[in-house]
Structure formats: structure tokens, C-alpha cells
């Protein structure tokens, strides 16, 4: 769905999607055992199933982009 520079913003985005009933997962170096929170290593991807992609985009557009983008 999107890649956010701030891991906290990605967590918030995923939580908003889940509250709308859309399954979401996070992927990125910032979630591993060595939590990196600077530069491109802090980028976190928000994944949703392909079948829910348009619904997820609609939820995010209705709320506006999260900070940290």
C-alpha cells in the first residue's frame, strides 16, 4: 500500500486499516531485532491483501496521509 519513513506512522496507519476491517502487515528493517530509526533503514512498508487494496487506499485518502511520509 505505502512506505512510510517513520515506523510509528506506519504502526498508526496499520492500526487505522485494521479498525476499518482491513488486514494489514508491516515490513521493514525498523521492525527487526536491531531497530533502526534513521534514514532509509527506518522505512516501513504497510502491506494489505491485493483484494483489499482499493478499500485500503480509500481509508487512507479519507483520513489524509499519516505524518512521517
N, C-alpha and C. Protein backbone atom coordinates (compact mmCIF):
# COMPACT_ATOMS: atom_id res chain seq x y z
N UNK A 1 0.84 -1.20 0.00
CA UNK A 1 0.00 0.00 0.00
C UNK A 1 0.87 1.25 0.00
N UNK A 2 1.80 1.32 0.96
CA UNK A 2 2.64 2.52 1.06
C UNK A 2 3.90 2.21 1.87
N UNK A 3 4.86 3.09 1.76
CA UNK A 3 6.08 3.03 2.57
C UNK A 3 6.19 4.34 3.32
N UNK A 4 6.36 4.25 4.61
CA UNK A 4 6.46 5.44 5.45
C UNK A 4 7.84 5.51 6.09
N UNK A 5 8.36 6.71 6.19
CA UNK A 5 9.70 6.92 6.74
C UNK A 5 9.73 6.75 8.26
N UNK A 6 8.60 6.93 8.90
CA UNK A 6 8.52 6.87 10.36
C UNK A 6 7.81 5.57 10.77
N UNK A 7 8.49 4.68 11.50
CA UNK A 7 7.86 3.42 11.92
C UNK A 7 6.59 3.64 12.75
N UNK A 8 6.56 4.68 13.57
CA UNK A 8 5.38 4.95 14.37
C UNK A 8 4.19 5.32 13.49
N UNK A 9 4.43 6.09 12.43
CA UNK A 9 3.36 6.44 11.50
C UNK A 9 2.86 5.19 10.78
N UNK A 10 3.76 4.27 10.46
CA UNK A 10 3.35 3.02 9.82
C UNK A 10 2.49 2.19 10.77
N UNK A 11 2.85 2.16 12.04
CA UNK A 11 2.04 1.45 13.04
C UNK A 11 0.64 2.06 13.12
N UNK A 12 0.58 3.37 13.12
CA UNK A 12 -0.70 4.07 13.18
C UNK A 12 -1.54 3.77 11.93
N UNK A 13 -0.90 3.80 10.78
CA UNK A 13 -1.59 3.51 9.52
C UNK A 13 -2.17 2.10 9.55
N UNK A 14 -1.37 1.13 9.97
CA UNK A 14 -1.84 -0.26 10.05
C UNK A 14 -2.99 -0.40 11.04
N UNK A 15 -2.91 0.29 12.16
CA UNK A 15 -3.99 0.23 13.15
C UNK A 15 -5.28 0.83 12.60
N UNK A 16 -5.17 1.92 11.86
CA UNK A 16 -6.37 2.52 11.25
C UNK A 16 -7.00 1.58 10.23
N UNK A 17 -6.16 0.92 9.45
CA UNK A 17 -6.68 -0.04 8.47
C UNK A 17 -7.36 -1.21 9.17
N UNK A 18 -6.74 -1.72 10.22
CA UNK A 18 -7.35 -2.83 10.96
C UNK A 18 -8.67 -2.43 11.59
N UNK A 19 -8.75 -1.18 12.08
CA UNK A 19 -10.01 -0.72 12.68
C UNK A 19 -11.12 -0.60 11.64
N UNK A 20 -10.73 -0.47 10.36
CA UNK A 20 -11.70 -0.44 9.27
C UNK A 20 -11.98 -1.84 8.74
N UNK A 21 -11.41 -2.86 9.37
CA UNK A 21 -11.65 -4.23 8.96
C UNK A 21 -10.75 -4.72 7.84
N UNK A 22 -9.66 -4.03 7.57
CA UNK A 22 -8.73 -4.39 6.51
C UNK A 22 -7.47 -4.98 7.14
N UNK A 23 -7.15 -6.20 6.75
CA UNK A 23 -5.95 -6.86 7.26
C UNK A 23 -4.72 -6.09 6.79
N UNK A 24 -3.78 -5.85 7.67
CA UNK A 24 -2.56 -5.14 7.28
C UNK A 24 -1.37 -5.73 8.02
N UNK A 25 -0.22 -5.67 7.37
CA UNK A 25 1.02 -6.13 7.96
C UNK A 25 2.10 -5.10 7.69
N UNK A 26 3.10 -5.09 8.56
CA UNK A 26 4.22 -4.16 8.40
C UNK A 26 5.48 -4.93 8.06
N UNK A 27 6.31 -4.34 7.21
CA UNK A 27 7.59 -4.94 6.83
C UNK A 27 8.65 -3.84 6.83
N UNK A 28 9.83 -4.16 7.34
CA UNK A 28 10.92 -3.20 7.28
C UNK A 28 11.99 -3.48 8.31
N UNK A 29 13.15 -2.88 8.08
CA UNK A 29 14.29 -3.06 8.98
C UNK A 29 14.00 -2.54 10.38
N UNK A 30 13.14 -1.54 10.49
CA UNK A 30 12.86 -0.95 11.80
C UNK A 30 12.09 -1.90 12.71
N UNK A 31 11.60 -3.01 12.17
CA UNK A 31 10.83 -3.96 12.95
C UNK A 31 11.65 -5.17 13.40
N UNK A 32 12.90 -5.23 12.96
CA UNK A 32 13.76 -6.37 13.27
C UNK A 32 14.37 -6.26 14.66
N UNK A 33 15.31 -7.16 14.96
CA UNK A 33 15.92 -7.17 16.28
C UNK A 33 16.78 -5.94 16.56
N UNK A 34 17.29 -5.30 15.50
CA UNK A 34 18.11 -4.09 15.65
C UNK A 34 17.31 -2.93 15.08
N UNK A 35 16.49 -2.34 15.89
CA UNK A 35 15.55 -1.31 15.44
C UNK A 35 16.26 -0.04 15.01
N UNK A 36 16.32 0.14 13.70
CA UNK A 36 16.94 1.32 13.13
C UNK A 36 15.86 2.36 12.86
N UNK A 37 16.10 3.58 13.29
CA UNK A 37 15.07 4.60 13.17
C UNK A 37 15.56 5.86 12.47
N UNK A 38 16.61 5.72 11.66
CA UNK A 38 17.11 6.87 10.90
C UNK A 38 17.34 6.47 9.45
N UNK A 39 17.19 7.44 8.58
CA UNK A 39 17.47 7.23 7.17
C UNK A 39 16.54 6.22 6.52
N UNK A 40 16.99 5.70 5.40
CA UNK A 40 16.16 4.77 4.63
C UNK A 40 15.96 3.44 5.35
N UNK A 41 16.82 3.13 6.30
CA UNK A 41 16.66 1.88 7.05
C UNK A 41 15.44 1.92 7.97
N UNK A 42 14.93 3.11 8.26
CA UNK A 42 13.76 3.24 9.12
C UNK A 42 12.46 3.10 8.33
N UNK A 43 12.54 3.09 7.01
CA UNK A 43 11.33 3.00 6.19
C UNK A 43 10.58 1.71 6.50
N UNK A 44 9.28 1.83 6.63
CA UNK A 44 8.43 0.69 6.95
C UNK A 44 7.32 0.61 5.91
N UNK A 45 7.15 -0.58 5.36
CA UNK A 45 6.12 -0.80 4.35
C UNK A 45 4.84 -1.28 5.02
N UNK A 46 3.71 -0.76 4.55
CA UNK A 46 2.40 -1.21 5.00
C UNK A 46 1.82 -2.07 3.88
N UNK A 47 1.60 -3.34 4.19
CA UNK A 47 1.08 -4.29 3.21
C UNK A 47 -0.37 -4.61 3.52
N UNK A 48 -1.16 -4.77 2.47
CA UNK A 48 -2.54 -5.24 2.58
C UNK A 48 -2.77 -6.27 1.48
N UNK A 49 -3.75 -7.16 1.65
CA UNK A 49 -4.05 -8.11 0.58
C UNK A 49 -4.47 -7.38 -0.69
N UNK A 50 -4.10 -7.93 -1.83
CA UNK A 50 -4.44 -7.30 -3.11
C UNK A 50 -5.94 -7.09 -3.25
N UNK A 51 -6.72 -8.01 -2.71
CA UNK A 51 -8.18 -7.90 -2.83
C UNK A 51 -8.75 -6.73 -2.02
N UNK A 52 -7.97 -6.20 -1.07
CA UNK A 52 -8.43 -5.09 -0.23
C UNK A 52 -7.68 -3.79 -0.51
N UNK A 53 -6.87 -3.79 -1.56
CA UNK A 53 -6.02 -2.63 -1.84
C UNK A 53 -6.82 -1.35 -2.06
N UNK A 54 -7.84 -1.39 -2.89
CA UNK A 54 -8.62 -0.18 -3.16
C UNK A 54 -9.35 0.31 -1.91
N UNK A 55 -9.89 -0.60 -1.12
CA UNK A 55 -10.54 -0.20 0.13
C UNK A 55 -9.53 0.46 1.07
N UNK A 56 -8.32 -0.09 1.13
CA UNK A 56 -7.28 0.48 1.99
C UNK A 56 -6.91 1.88 1.51
N UNK A 57 -6.77 2.05 0.20
CA UNK A 57 -6.48 3.39 -0.34
C UNK A 57 -7.57 4.38 0.01
N UNK A 58 -8.82 3.94 -0.07
CA UNK A 58 -9.94 4.82 0.27
C UNK A 58 -9.89 5.25 1.73
N UNK A 59 -9.57 4.31 2.62
CA UNK A 59 -9.49 4.63 4.05
C UNK A 59 -8.39 5.66 4.29
N UNK A 60 -7.23 5.45 3.71
CA UNK A 60 -6.10 6.37 3.89
C UNK A 60 -6.40 7.73 3.29
N UNK A 61 -7.01 7.76 2.11
CA UNK A 61 -7.34 9.04 1.48
C UNK A 61 -8.37 9.81 2.29
N UNK A 62 -9.34 9.11 2.89
CA UNK A 62 -10.36 9.77 3.71
C UNK A 62 -9.74 10.43 4.94
N UNK A 63 -8.69 9.81 5.48
CA UNK A 63 -8.06 10.31 6.70
C UNK A 63 -6.92 11.27 6.42
N UNK A 64 -6.43 11.28 5.19
CA UNK A 64 -5.26 12.08 4.85
C UNK A 64 -4.02 11.26 5.11
N UNK A 65 -2.90 11.64 4.49
CA UNK A 65 -1.67 10.88 4.68
C UNK A 65 -1.16 11.00 6.11
N UNK A 66 -0.66 9.90 6.67
CA UNK A 66 -0.10 9.98 8.03
C UNK A 66 1.19 10.77 8.03
N UNK A 67 1.51 11.38 9.16
CA UNK A 67 2.77 12.08 9.29
C UNK A 67 3.91 11.09 9.15
N UNK A 68 5.05 11.55 8.70
CA UNK A 68 6.20 10.69 8.56
C UNK A 68 6.42 10.22 7.15
N UNK A 69 5.58 10.64 6.25
CA UNK A 69 5.70 10.22 4.85
C UNK A 69 6.80 10.95 4.17
